[in-house]
N, C-alpha and C. Protein backbone atom coordinates (compact mmCIF):
# COMPACT_ATOMS: atom_id res chain seq x y z
N MET A 1 5.00 -9.42 48.55
CA MET A 1 5.02 -9.50 47.13
C MET A 1 6.43 -9.03 46.63
N PRO A 2 7.11 -9.82 45.77
CA PRO A 2 8.44 -9.48 45.39
C PRO A 2 8.44 -8.30 44.41
N GLN A 3 9.52 -7.53 44.40
CA GLN A 3 9.66 -6.43 43.50
C GLN A 3 10.09 -6.95 42.16
N LEU A 4 9.60 -6.25 41.15
CA LEU A 4 10.00 -6.63 39.78
C LEU A 4 11.37 -6.07 39.46
N ASP A 5 12.25 -6.92 39.03
CA ASP A 5 13.60 -6.56 38.67
C ASP A 5 13.68 -5.92 37.30
N THR A 6 13.87 -4.65 37.23
CA THR A 6 13.89 -3.93 35.92
C THR A 6 15.36 -3.53 35.46
N SER A 7 16.32 -4.10 36.13
CA SER A 7 17.69 -3.70 35.83
C SER A 7 18.09 -4.11 34.48
N THR A 8 17.55 -5.20 33.86
CA THR A 8 17.95 -5.71 32.56
C THR A 8 17.07 -5.23 31.41
N TRP A 9 16.09 -4.46 31.77
CA TRP A 9 15.18 -3.98 30.74
C TRP A 9 15.80 -3.12 29.65
N PHE A 10 16.70 -2.28 30.11
CA PHE A 10 17.32 -1.30 29.18
C PHE A 10 18.11 -2.07 28.10
N ILE A 11 18.97 -2.93 28.56
CA ILE A 11 19.81 -3.69 27.59
C ILE A 11 18.99 -4.61 26.76
N THR A 12 17.91 -5.13 27.26
CA THR A 12 17.03 -6.00 26.48
C THR A 12 16.33 -5.16 25.38
N ILE A 13 15.84 -4.04 25.73
CA ILE A 13 15.07 -3.18 24.71
C ILE A 13 16.05 -2.69 23.70
N VAL A 14 17.18 -2.25 24.11
CA VAL A 14 18.17 -1.69 23.18
C VAL A 14 18.71 -2.80 22.19
N SER A 15 18.99 -3.94 22.72
CA SER A 15 19.45 -5.05 21.87
C SER A 15 18.37 -5.51 20.89
N MET A 16 17.12 -5.48 21.35
CA MET A 16 15.99 -5.81 20.45
C MET A 16 15.85 -4.83 19.31
N ILE A 17 16.00 -3.54 19.64
CA ILE A 17 15.92 -2.50 18.61
C ILE A 17 16.99 -2.64 17.61
N VAL A 18 18.24 -2.88 18.07
CA VAL A 18 19.42 -3.03 17.17
C VAL A 18 19.21 -4.26 16.31
N THR A 19 18.70 -5.32 16.89
CA THR A 19 18.50 -6.59 16.10
C THR A 19 17.44 -6.34 15.04
N LEU A 20 16.35 -5.65 15.36
CA LEU A 20 15.30 -5.41 14.36
C LEU A 20 15.87 -4.46 13.26
N PHE A 21 16.66 -3.50 13.64
CA PHE A 21 17.20 -2.61 12.63
C PHE A 21 18.13 -3.43 11.66
N ILE A 22 18.97 -4.26 12.18
CA ILE A 22 19.85 -5.07 11.32
C ILE A 22 19.05 -6.01 10.45
N MET A 23 18.03 -6.67 11.03
CA MET A 23 17.20 -7.51 10.19
C MET A 23 16.54 -6.81 9.03
N PHE A 24 15.96 -5.68 9.31
CA PHE A 24 15.34 -4.86 8.25
C PHE A 24 16.35 -4.42 7.24
N GLN A 25 17.58 -4.04 7.65
CA GLN A 25 18.59 -3.63 6.72
C GLN A 25 18.93 -4.87 5.76
N LEU A 26 19.06 -5.98 6.33
CA LEU A 26 19.41 -7.19 5.52
C LEU A 26 18.28 -7.48 4.62
N LYS A 27 17.07 -7.36 5.01
CA LYS A 27 15.92 -7.64 4.17
C LYS A 27 15.87 -6.69 3.01
N ILE A 28 16.05 -5.35 3.31
CA ILE A 28 15.99 -4.40 2.25
C ILE A 28 17.15 -4.51 1.27
N SER A 29 18.26 -4.93 1.73
CA SER A 29 19.45 -4.90 0.87
C SER A 29 19.37 -6.05 -0.15
N LYS A 30 18.47 -6.96 -0.04
CA LYS A 30 18.29 -8.06 -0.98
C LYS A 30 17.62 -7.58 -2.26
N TYR A 31 16.92 -6.47 -2.24
CA TYR A 31 16.19 -5.99 -3.42
C TYR A 31 17.13 -5.22 -4.31
N LEU A 32 16.97 -5.41 -5.60
CA LEU A 32 17.75 -4.63 -6.62
C LEU A 32 16.93 -3.45 -7.10
N TYR A 33 17.50 -2.29 -6.97
CA TYR A 33 16.85 -1.13 -7.38
C TYR A 33 17.53 -0.60 -8.62
N PRO A 34 16.79 -0.09 -9.62
CA PRO A 34 17.41 0.41 -10.81
C PRO A 34 18.18 1.72 -10.50
N TRP A 35 19.29 1.90 -11.19
CA TRP A 35 20.11 3.14 -10.95
C TRP A 35 19.39 4.36 -11.48
N ASN A 36 18.85 4.25 -12.74
CA ASN A 36 18.18 5.38 -13.32
C ASN A 36 16.76 4.97 -13.62
N PRO A 37 15.86 5.16 -12.74
CA PRO A 37 14.46 4.86 -13.02
C PRO A 37 13.89 5.82 -14.11
N GLU A 38 13.32 5.23 -15.14
CA GLU A 38 12.77 6.07 -16.22
C GLU A 38 11.28 6.28 -15.98
N LEU A 39 10.91 7.45 -16.37
CA LEU A 39 9.51 7.83 -16.20
C LEU A 39 8.68 7.10 -17.24
N LYS A 40 7.49 6.62 -16.83
CA LYS A 40 6.57 6.03 -17.80
C LYS A 40 5.83 7.14 -18.52
N SER A 41 5.40 6.89 -19.70
CA SER A 41 4.65 7.95 -20.43
C SER A 41 3.31 8.17 -19.71
N ALA A 42 3.00 9.45 -19.76
CA ALA A 42 1.75 9.85 -19.06
C ALA A 42 0.52 9.52 -19.84
N THR A 43 0.71 9.27 -21.18
CA THR A 43 -0.42 8.87 -21.96
C THR A 43 -0.60 7.40 -21.96
N MET A 44 -1.32 6.90 -21.03
CA MET A 44 -1.52 5.49 -20.89
C MET A 44 -2.72 5.07 -21.77
N MET A 45 -2.69 3.83 -22.22
CA MET A 45 -3.79 3.37 -23.08
C MET A 45 -5.08 3.33 -22.24
N LYS A 46 -6.17 3.84 -22.80
CA LYS A 46 -7.41 3.89 -22.08
C LYS A 46 -8.07 2.53 -22.18
N GLN A 47 -8.40 2.00 -21.02
CA GLN A 47 -9.09 0.66 -20.97
C GLN A 47 -10.57 0.95 -21.02
N PRO A 48 -11.30 0.31 -21.95
CA PRO A 48 -12.69 0.51 -22.03
C PRO A 48 -13.41 -0.09 -20.84
N THR A 49 -14.30 0.65 -20.25
CA THR A 49 -14.97 0.11 -19.16
C THR A 49 -16.35 -0.46 -19.64
N PRO A 50 -16.86 -1.43 -18.88
CA PRO A 50 -18.08 -2.12 -19.40
C PRO A 50 -19.23 -1.21 -19.79
N TRP A 51 -19.39 -0.10 -19.07
CA TRP A 51 -20.51 0.77 -19.42
C TRP A 51 -20.23 1.64 -20.61
N GLU A 52 -18.92 1.68 -21.10
CA GLU A 52 -18.63 2.45 -22.30
C GLU A 52 -18.76 1.58 -23.55
N LYS A 53 -18.82 0.29 -23.37
CA LYS A 53 -18.92 -0.58 -24.55
C LYS A 53 -20.34 -0.54 -25.15
N LYS A 54 -21.34 -0.39 -24.33
CA LYS A 54 -22.67 -0.35 -24.83
C LYS A 54 -23.40 0.91 -24.50
N TRP A 55 -24.42 1.21 -25.27
CA TRP A 55 -25.22 2.39 -25.01
C TRP A 55 -26.26 2.15 -23.94
N THR A 56 -26.31 2.95 -22.97
CA THR A 56 -27.30 2.80 -21.96
C THR A 56 -28.04 4.06 -21.75
N LYS A 57 -29.27 4.02 -21.35
CA LYS A 57 -30.08 5.18 -21.06
C LYS A 57 -30.63 5.05 -19.66
N ILE A 58 -30.52 6.16 -18.98
CA ILE A 58 -31.09 6.13 -17.57
C ILE A 58 -32.42 6.87 -17.62
N TYR A 59 -33.41 6.20 -17.26
CA TYR A 59 -34.80 6.79 -17.28
C TYR A 59 -35.11 7.41 -15.92
N SER A 60 -35.33 8.67 -15.94
CA SER A 60 -35.73 9.34 -14.71
C SER A 60 -37.31 9.13 -14.54
N PRO A 61 -37.80 9.06 -13.37
CA PRO A 61 -39.16 8.82 -13.12
C PRO A 61 -40.11 9.83 -13.78
N LEU A 62 -39.65 11.09 -13.97
CA LEU A 62 -40.51 12.09 -14.53
C LEU A 62 -40.64 11.92 -16.06
N SER A 63 -39.67 11.24 -16.72
CA SER A 63 -39.79 11.07 -18.17
C SER A 63 -40.52 9.90 -18.55
N LEU A 64 -40.85 8.99 -17.62
CA LEU A 64 -41.62 7.83 -17.95
C LEU A 64 -43.05 8.20 -18.31
N PRO A 65 -43.70 7.45 -19.18
CA PRO A 65 -45.14 7.71 -19.52
C PRO A 65 -45.99 7.49 -18.29
N GLN A 66 -47.06 8.27 -18.23
CA GLN A 66 -47.99 8.11 -17.12
C GLN A 66 -48.77 6.82 -17.29
N GLN A 67 -49.05 6.17 -16.15
CA GLN A 67 -49.74 4.93 -16.25
C GLN A 67 -51.21 5.08 -15.77
């Protein structure tokens, strides 16, 4: 059974890592980031949830009339 030649593995792995690094750098550099990001106000408008729009009552079994 022939031996596996691992002499080129190091350069292959290193070149692959360098290539991935360069590709990610190019991908990230396409985005425009604001120089001074401004904070949004902490008081956001409250969105009404469906259960707040109408009055509902939860009946517990003990408060129901006896049958």
